[in-house]
N, C-alpha and C. Protein backbone atom coordinates (compact mmCIF):
# COMPACT_ATOMS: atom_id res chain seq x y z
N MET A 1 1.02 -1.06 -0.19
CA MET A 1 0.04 0.36 0.54
C MET A 1 1.36 1.15 0.38
N MET A 2 0.45 2.09 -1.18
CA MET A 2 1.19 3.29 -0.89
C MET A 2 0.78 4.91 -0.18
N GLU A 3 1.58 5.53 0.32
CA GLU A 3 1.42 6.26 1.35
C GLU A 3 1.68 7.60 0.61
N SER A 4 0.55 8.15 0.54
CA SER A 4 -0.08 9.49 -0.43
C SER A 4 0.90 10.38 0.38
N ALA A 5 1.95 11.76 -1.29
CA ALA A 5 2.40 12.51 -0.24
C ALA A 5 1.02 14.03 -0.38
N SER A 6 -0.12 13.89 -1.00
CA SER A 6 -0.69 14.72 -0.66
C SER A 6 -1.16 14.92 0.62
N ALA A 7 -1.24 14.03 2.05
CA ALA A 7 -1.73 13.98 3.05
C ALA A 7 -0.37 14.33 3.68
N GLY A 8 0.65 14.45 3.33
CA GLY A 8 1.68 14.64 4.29
C GLY A 8 2.81 14.01 4.52
N ARG A 9 2.29 12.16 4.08
CA ARG A 9 2.90 11.29 4.19
C ARG A 9 4.01 11.48 3.19
N PRO A 10 4.78 9.95 3.13
CA PRO A 10 6.13 9.99 2.05
C PRO A 10 5.34 9.48 0.97
N ALA A 11 5.17 9.74 -0.44
CA ALA A 11 5.46 9.56 -1.42
C ALA A 11 5.03 8.05 -1.60
N HIS A 12 6.15 7.52 -1.09
CA HIS A 12 6.36 6.08 -1.38
C HIS A 12 6.87 5.08 -0.58
N MET A 13 6.89 4.11 -0.27
CA MET A 13 7.12 3.16 0.21
C MET A 13 8.48 3.10 0.12
N MET A 14 9.64 2.78 1.29
CA MET A 14 10.77 2.76 1.39
C MET A 14 11.29 1.22 1.08
N GLY A 15 12.29 1.02 0.38
CA GLY A 15 11.99 -0.58 0.04
C GLY A 15 13.58 -1.24 0.81
N PHE A 16 13.47 -2.38 0.84
CA PHE A 16 14.72 -3.11 1.78
C PHE A 16 15.74 -2.57 2.02
N SER A 17 16.56 -2.51 0.55
CA SER A 17 17.67 -1.93 0.55
C SER A 17 18.27 -1.21 1.33
N ASP A 18 17.24 -0.10 0.75
CA ASP A 18 17.10 1.29 1.40
C ASP A 18 16.98 1.42 2.45
N ALA A 19 15.89 1.30 3.31
CA ALA A 19 15.72 1.00 4.36
C ALA A 19 16.76 0.23 5.60
N VAL A 20 17.32 -1.00 4.84
CA VAL A 20 18.76 -1.63 5.50
C VAL A 20 20.08 -0.21 5.71
N GLN A 21 19.75 0.20 4.57
CA GLN A 21 21.35 0.92 4.24
C GLN A 21 21.02 2.14 5.08
N ASN A 22 19.79 2.99 4.96
CA ASN A 22 19.57 4.13 5.45
C ASN A 22 19.65 3.78 7.63
N VAL A 23 19.13 2.27 7.86
CA VAL A 23 19.75 2.40 9.18
C VAL A 23 20.94 1.82 9.68
N LEU A 24 21.41 1.58 8.78
CA LEU A 24 22.72 0.65 8.87
C LEU A 24 23.80 1.78 9.11
N MET A 25 23.64 2.86 7.65
CA MET A 25 24.84 3.58 7.26
C MET A 25 24.46 5.06 7.44
N ASN A 26 23.26 5.29 7.95
CA ASN A 26 23.35 6.76 8.01
C ASN A 26 22.94 7.18 9.15
N ASN A 27 22.15 6.36 10.32
CA ASN A 27 21.47 6.19 11.67
C ASN A 27 21.93 5.40 12.39
N TYR A 28 22.91 5.08 12.43
CA TYR A 28 22.93 3.93 13.45
C TYR A 28 22.88 4.12 14.11
N ALA A 29 22.96 4.97 15.34
CA ALA A 29 22.91 5.57 16.77
C ALA A 29 22.25 6.51 16.81
N ASN A 30 21.34 7.28 15.43
CA ASN A 30 20.73 8.18 15.25
C ASN A 30 19.53 8.15 16.46
N LEU A 31 19.07 9.13 17.74
CA LEU A 31 17.77 8.95 17.97
C LEU A 31 17.07 10.28 17.63
N ASP A 32 17.69 10.96 16.88
CA ASP A 32 16.53 12.50 16.07
C ASP A 32 16.28 12.02 15.31
N GLY A 33 14.83 12.70 15.13
CA GLY A 33 14.06 12.32 13.63
C GLY A 33 13.10 11.45 13.86
N ARG A 34 12.86 11.15 12.53
CA ARG A 34 11.34 10.00 12.43
C ARG A 34 11.76 9.02 11.70
N ALA A 35 11.15 7.80 11.75
CA ALA A 35 11.44 6.69 10.68
C ALA A 35 10.09 7.06 10.02
N SER A 36 10.23 5.86 9.06
CA SER A 36 8.55 5.64 8.41
C SER A 36 8.22 4.17 8.57
N ARG A 37 6.69 3.64 8.29
CA ARG A 37 6.59 2.46 8.90
C ARG A 37 7.39 1.99 8.19
N SER A 38 7.70 1.95 6.83
CA SER A 38 8.16 1.09 5.82
C SER A 38 9.71 1.13 6.21
N GLU A 39 10.52 2.06 6.83
CA GLU A 39 11.82 1.73 7.10
C GLU A 39 11.87 0.87 8.18
N TYR A 40 10.96 0.99 9.24
CA TYR A 40 11.05 0.26 10.46
C TYR A 40 10.74 -1.34 9.91
N TRP A 41 10.01 -1.60 9.31
CA TRP A 41 9.57 -2.76 8.91
C TRP A 41 10.33 -3.85 8.12
N TRP A 42 10.99 -3.01 7.79
CA TRP A 42 11.80 -3.65 6.37
C TRP A 42 12.90 -4.06 7.59
N PHE A 43 13.35 -2.76 8.13
CA PHE A 43 14.35 -3.20 9.28
C PHE A 43 14.09 -4.55 9.84
N VAL A 44 12.97 -4.54 10.52
CA VAL A 44 12.50 -5.33 11.30
C VAL A 44 13.04 -7.21 10.74
N LEU A 45 12.31 -7.11 9.15
CA LEU A 45 12.60 -8.22 8.75
C LEU A 45 14.04 -8.40 8.50
N PHE A 46 15.11 -7.36 7.85
CA PHE A 46 16.30 -7.73 8.09
C PHE A 46 16.81 -8.17 8.78
N ASN A 47 16.75 -8.18 10.73
CA ASN A 47 16.62 -8.38 11.66
C ASN A 47 16.35 -10.17 11.64
N LEU A 48 14.87 -10.47 11.43
CA LEU A 48 14.71 -11.83 11.53
C LEU A 48 15.03 -12.52 10.41
N ILE A 49 16.25 -11.92 9.31
CA ILE A 49 16.89 -12.56 8.16
C ILE A 49 18.42 -12.89 9.16
N VAL A 50 18.70 -11.68 9.42
CA VAL A 50 20.01 -12.12 10.11
C VAL A 50 19.95 -13.58 10.97
N SER A 51 18.60 -13.40 12.34
CA SER A 51 18.68 -14.28 13.19
C SER A 51 18.44 -15.63 12.72
N ILE A 52 18.18 -16.23 11.84
CA ILE A 52 17.93 -17.26 10.81
C ILE A 52 19.64 -17.85 10.36
N VAL A 53 19.39 -16.78 9.76
CA VAL A 53 20.87 -17.15 9.00
C VAL A 53 22.06 -17.63 10.36
N THR A 54 22.18 -16.45 11.00
CA THR A 54 23.01 -16.97 12.44
C THR A 54 22.96 -18.04 13.20
N PHE A 55 21.57 -18.52 13.23
CA PHE A 55 20.95 -19.81 13.33
C PHE A 55 21.84 -20.94 12.94
N VAL A 56 21.59 -21.34 12.13
CA VAL A 56 21.99 -21.75 10.74
C VAL A 56 23.48 -21.77 10.69
N ILE A 57 24.40 -20.90 11.05
CA ILE A 57 25.87 -21.12 11.12
C ILE A 57 26.29 -21.86 12.32
N ASP A 58 25.52 -21.00 13.45
CA ASP A 58 25.63 -21.46 14.70
C ASP A 58 25.60 -23.06 15.24
N SER A 59 24.73 -23.26 14.61
CA SER A 59 23.71 -24.93 14.68
C SER A 59 25.11 -25.44 13.61
N THR A 60 25.63 -25.62 12.28
CA THR A 60 25.90 -26.13 11.35
C THR A 60 28.04 -26.01 12.34
N LEU A 61 27.83 -25.06 12.47
CA LEU A 61 29.20 -25.18 13.23
C LEU A 61 29.54 -25.64 14.66
N GLY A 62 28.47 -26.01 15.09
CA GLY A 62 28.61 -26.47 16.67
C GLY A 62 28.70 -25.31 17.68
N THR A 63 28.32 -24.08 17.70
CA THR A 63 29.03 -22.96 18.43
C THR A 63 27.72 -22.34 19.19
N MET A 64 26.93 -23.30 19.37
CA MET A 64 25.59 -22.37 20.38
C MET A 64 25.68 -22.37 21.44
N VAL A 65 25.69 -21.78 21.99
CA VAL A 65 26.13 -20.98 23.82
C VAL A 65 24.88 -21.33 24.60
N THR A 66 23.75 -21.24 24.06
CA THR A 66 22.53 -21.53 23.94
C THR A 66 21.46 -22.72 23.35
N TYR A 67 20.33 -22.95 23.83
CA TYR A 67 19.21 -23.75 22.93
C TYR A 67 19.04 -22.73 21.89
N ASP A 68 19.05 -21.57 21.56
CA ASP A 68 18.62 -20.68 20.17
C ASP A 68 19.63 -19.82 19.89
N MET A 69 20.46 -19.51 20.40
CA MET A 69 21.94 -18.85 20.01
C MET A 69 23.45 -19.28 20.44
N GLY A 70 24.17 -18.72 19.35
CA GLY A 70 25.13 -18.99 19.22
C GLY A 70 26.00 -17.59 19.11
N TYR A 71 27.74 -18.21 19.35
CA TYR A 71 28.40 -17.28 19.12
C TYR A 71 28.69 -16.04 17.97
N VAL A 72 27.75 -16.84 16.85
CA VAL A 72 27.70 -15.87 15.69
C VAL A 72 26.21 -14.58 15.99
N GLY A 73 25.15 -15.68 16.41
CA GLY A 73 23.99 -14.85 16.74
C GLY A 73 24.66 -14.11 17.70
N LEU A 74 25.05 -14.12 18.65
CA LEU A 74 25.23 -13.10 19.76
C LEU A 74 26.31 -11.58 19.48
N ILE A 75 27.12 -12.12 18.30
CA ILE A 75 27.72 -10.64 17.66
C ILE A 75 26.95 -10.30 16.72
N ALA A 76 26.18 -10.94 16.30
CA ALA A 76 24.96 -10.59 15.29
C ALA A 76 24.10 -9.28 16.21
N LEU A 77 23.89 -10.00 16.95
CA LEU A 77 22.75 -9.53 18.46
C LEU A 77 23.66 -7.89 19.04
N LEU A 78 24.82 -7.87 19.17
CA LEU A 78 24.96 -6.79 19.75
C LEU A 78 25.71 -6.16 19.06
N ALA A 79 25.85 -6.23 17.55
CA ALA A 79 26.47 -5.16 16.41
C ALA A 79 24.93 -4.93 16.09
N LEU A 80 23.86 -5.18 16.31
CA LEU A 80 22.30 -4.72 15.52
C LEU A 80 21.87 -4.01 17.26
N LEU A 81 22.45 -4.22 18.07
CA LEU A 81 21.45 -3.04 18.84
C LEU A 81 21.19 -2.07 18.78
N LEU A 82 22.02 -1.23 18.32
CA LEU A 82 21.74 0.17 18.46
C LEU A 82 21.04 0.40 17.52
N PRO A 83 21.37 0.14 16.42
CA PRO A 83 20.33 0.83 14.93
C PRO A 83 19.11 -0.04 15.38
N ASN A 84 18.76 -1.36 16.29
CA ASN A 84 17.09 -1.23 16.73
C ASN A 84 16.61 -0.65 17.32
N VAL A 85 17.38 0.02 18.39
CA VAL A 85 16.52 0.97 19.11
C VAL A 85 16.40 2.45 18.17
N SER A 86 17.80 2.56 17.82
CA SER A 86 17.91 3.75 16.95
C SER A 86 16.51 3.79 16.06
N VAL A 87 16.23 2.75 15.34
CA VAL A 87 14.93 3.02 14.57
C VAL A 87 14.09 2.76 15.60
N SER A 88 13.28 2.36 16.14
CA SER A 88 12.40 1.86 17.30
C SER A 88 12.19 3.22 17.95
N VAL A 89 13.10 4.04 18.32
CA VAL A 89 13.20 5.45 18.71
C VAL A 89 12.75 6.04 17.71
N ARG A 90 13.29 6.34 16.72
CA ARG A 90 12.55 6.62 15.31
C ARG A 90 11.58 6.51 15.04
N ARG A 91 10.73 5.42 14.86
CA ARG A 91 9.19 5.09 14.83
C ARG A 91 8.79 5.73 15.75
N LEU A 92 9.32 5.94 17.18
CA LEU A 92 7.98 6.50 18.26
C LEU A 92 7.67 7.99 17.54
N HIS A 93 9.09 8.69 17.68
CA HIS A 93 8.99 10.09 17.40
C HIS A 93 7.72 10.05 16.01
N ASP A 94 8.03 8.90 14.98
CA ASP A 94 7.20 9.68 13.78
C ASP A 94 5.14 9.77 14.48
N ILE A 95 5.13 8.80 15.63
CA ILE A 95 4.05 9.45 16.00
C ILE A 95 3.83 9.99 17.18
N GLY A 96 4.59 10.71 17.31
CA GLY A 96 4.28 11.76 18.28
C GLY A 96 4.96 11.10 19.51
N LYS A 97 5.08 10.48 20.07
CA LYS A 97 5.70 9.58 21.16
C LYS A 97 6.82 9.59 21.60
N SER A 98 7.48 10.09 22.81
CA SER A 98 9.08 9.76 22.83
C SER A 98 9.44 8.55 22.85
N GLY A 99 10.70 8.56 22.71
CA GLY A 99 11.28 7.23 23.03
C GLY A 99 11.25 6.71 24.02
N TRP A 100 11.42 7.31 24.97
CA TRP A 100 11.43 6.53 26.18
C TRP A 100 9.92 5.49 26.53
N TRP A 101 8.97 5.27 25.53
CA TRP A 101 8.02 4.36 25.36
C TRP A 101 8.99 3.13 25.31
N ILE A 102 10.03 2.92 24.29
CA ILE A 102 10.48 1.35 24.60
C ILE A 102 11.15 1.09 25.50
N LEU A 103 11.16 1.40 26.48
CA LEU A 103 11.50 0.77 27.87
C LEU A 103 10.05 -0.33 28.30
N LEU A 104 9.27 0.01 27.53
CA LEU A 104 7.69 -0.56 28.20
C LEU A 104 8.32 -2.06 27.68
N ALA A 105 8.75 -2.63 26.52
CA ALA A 105 9.09 -3.43 25.70
C ALA A 105 10.69 -4.47 27.03
N ILE A 106 11.47 -3.47 27.90
CA ILE A 106 12.22 -4.24 28.70
C ILE A 106 12.27 -4.24 29.93
N ILE A 107 11.09 -3.16 30.85
CA ILE A 107 10.84 -3.94 31.90
C ILE A 107 10.22 -4.55 32.53
N PRO A 108 10.67 -5.80 33.22
CA PRO A 108 10.74 -6.82 33.39
C PRO A 108 8.67 -7.07 33.68
N ILE A 109 8.78 -6.13 34.87
CA ILE A 109 7.51 -6.43 35.02
C ILE A 109 6.03 -5.70 33.90
N VAL A 110 6.32 -5.20 33.21
CA VAL A 110 4.98 -4.68 32.00
C VAL A 110 5.20 -5.30 30.72
N ASN A 111 6.78 -5.99 30.82
CA ASN A 111 6.79 -6.50 29.56
C ASN A 111 6.07 -6.91 28.00
N PHE A 112 5.23 -7.80 28.72
CA PHE A 112 4.53 -8.87 28.21
C PHE A 112 3.29 -7.88 27.46
N ILE A 113 2.93 -6.43 28.48
CA ILE A 113 1.74 -5.76 27.85
C ILE A 113 2.37 -4.74 26.96
N GLY A 114 3.58 -4.47 27.17
CA GLY A 114 4.54 -3.56 27.03
C GLY A 114 4.52 -3.47 25.35
N ILE A 115 5.08 -5.13 25.34
CA ILE A 115 5.53 -5.39 24.09
C ILE A 115 4.38 -5.29 22.61
N PHE A 116 3.36 -5.49 23.46
CA PHE A 116 2.08 -5.32 22.45
C PHE A 116 1.90 -3.63 22.34
N VAL A 117 2.24 -3.22 23.48
CA VAL A 117 2.00 -1.75 23.22
C VAL A 117 3.12 -1.08 21.96
N ILE A 118 4.02 -1.56 21.95
CA ILE A 118 5.05 -0.95 21.01
C ILE A 118 4.56 -1.91 19.60
N ILE A 119 4.39 -2.36 19.53
CA ILE A 119 3.76 -3.19 18.39
C ILE A 119 2.20 -2.51 17.34
N VAL A 120 1.82 -1.93 18.54
CA VAL A 120 0.46 -1.03 18.05
C VAL A 120 1.09 -0.11 17.25
N PHE A 121 2.22 0.77 18.34
CA PHE A 121 2.79 2.02 18.19
C PHE A 121 3.26 1.95 16.46
N THR A 122 4.30 1.10 16.33
CA THR A 122 4.92 0.83 15.12
C THR A 122 4.02 0.63 13.91
N ILE A 123 2.75 0.48 14.36
CA ILE A 123 1.91 0.17 13.85
C ILE A 123 1.27 1.04 12.60
N MET A 124 0.64 1.99 13.45
CA MET A 124 -0.08 2.91 13.11
C MET A 124 0.67 4.14 12.39
N GLU A 125 -0.03 4.61 11.73
CA GLU A 125 0.41 5.91 10.45
C GLU A 125 0.85 6.86 11.77
N GLY A 126 2.07 7.57 10.97
CA GLY A 126 2.88 8.43 11.72
C GLY A 126 2.30 9.78 11.16
N GLU A 127 2.06 10.55 12.26
CA GLU A 127 1.63 12.09 11.93
C GLU A 127 2.17 12.39 10.49
N LYS A 128 0.73 13.59 10.13
CA LYS A 128 0.63 13.76 8.52
C LYS A 128 1.73 14.98 8.07
N GLN A 129 2.08 15.62 9.57
CA GLN A 129 2.61 17.21 9.38
C GLN A 129 3.96 17.24 10.63
N PRO A 130 4.72 18.09 10.26
CA PRO A 130 6.05 18.15 11.17
C PRO A 130 5.61 18.27 12.76
N ASN A 131 6.36 17.28 13.35
CA ASN A 131 5.99 17.39 14.73
C ASN A 131 7.16 17.75 15.42
N GLN A 132 7.43 17.92 16.87
CA GLN A 132 8.80 18.33 17.75
C GLN A 132 10.17 17.25 17.10
N TYR A 133 9.56 16.31 16.82
CA TYR A 133 10.87 15.18 16.59
C TYR A 133 11.77 15.61 15.18
N GLY A 134 10.88 16.43 14.07
CA GLY A 134 11.46 16.74 13.21
C GLY A 134 10.08 16.48 11.66
N GLU A 135 10.62 16.85 11.09
CA GLU A 135 10.08 16.94 9.52
C GLU A 135 9.72 15.26 9.17
N VAL A 136 8.37 15.37 8.49
CA VAL A 136 7.98 13.64 7.83
C VAL A 136 8.74 12.98 6.42
N PRO A 137 9.02 12.04 7.02
CA PRO A 137 10.01 11.13 6.65
C PRO A 137 9.89 11.05 4.81
N THR A 138 10.90 11.41 4.89
CA THR A 138 10.60 11.16 2.67
C THR A 138 11.03 10.07 2.26
N ASN A 139 11.40 9.14 3.04
CA ASN A 139 11.85 7.75 2.63
C ASN A 139 13.02 7.28 0.97
N THR A 140 13.52 8.57 1.22
CA THR A 140 14.42 8.77 0.29
C THR A 140 16.14 9.14 0.87
N ILE A 141 16.72 8.36 0.58
CA ILE A 141 18.19 8.79 1.27
C ILE A 141 19.00 9.29 0.56
N LYS A 142 19.45 10.13 1.32
CA LYS A 142 20.44 11.15 1.36
C LYS A 142 21.72 11.06 0.74
N GLN A 143 22.30 11.09 -0.30
CA GLN A 143 23.50 10.66 -0.69
C GLN A 143 24.69 11.87 -0.19
N ASP A 144 25.58 10.99 0.35
CA ASP A 144 26.92 11.33 0.88
C ASP A 144 27.24 11.68 -0.43
N GLU A 145 28.24 12.64 -0.59
CA GLU A 145 29.14 13.39 -1.65
C GLU A 145 30.43 12.68 -1.86
N ARG A 146 31.17 12.11 -0.60
CA ARG A 146 32.11 12.02 0.19
C ARG A 146 32.58 10.59 -0.52
N TYR A 147 31.46 9.91 -0.53
CA TYR A 147 31.70 8.30 -1.02
C TYR A 147 31.52 7.64 -2.20
N HIS A 148 31.12 8.67 -3.36
CA HIS A 148 30.56 8.51 -4.65
C HIS A 148 31.78 8.83 -5.71
N TYR A 149 31.92 8.22 -6.11
CA TYR A 149 33.14 8.14 -7.19
C TYR A 149 33.16 8.54 -8.67
């Protein structure tokens, strides 16, 4: 489903590779600004793919530390921790919520309900106008001239 430009939202959905590139290269630990639904959910899919691949590698190599994670998976988890927090906080900013809401997912007592609250928030359409966290996401990646030859 396309998001309409006339409503103040991005004119198009961000693709898989653009979303992963934007999160990992441009916003690795950036907690400022906003992330569109497409950027967020494509990065969630990327995380799922990485988890499956690392599980297969760890199972094949026999490097499982626990029943569901091995050394390769642990390295991937640590490498993707900051980008996951970053894109989640920026997604909350897009709906006008503070990034502190992400704590609902990690506080033990409210974890079960908190995860569902965060999922609902990430599914919601973002605000159609600029808010206190920045402009409406454009879903286009700004090219850095330093890296183009």
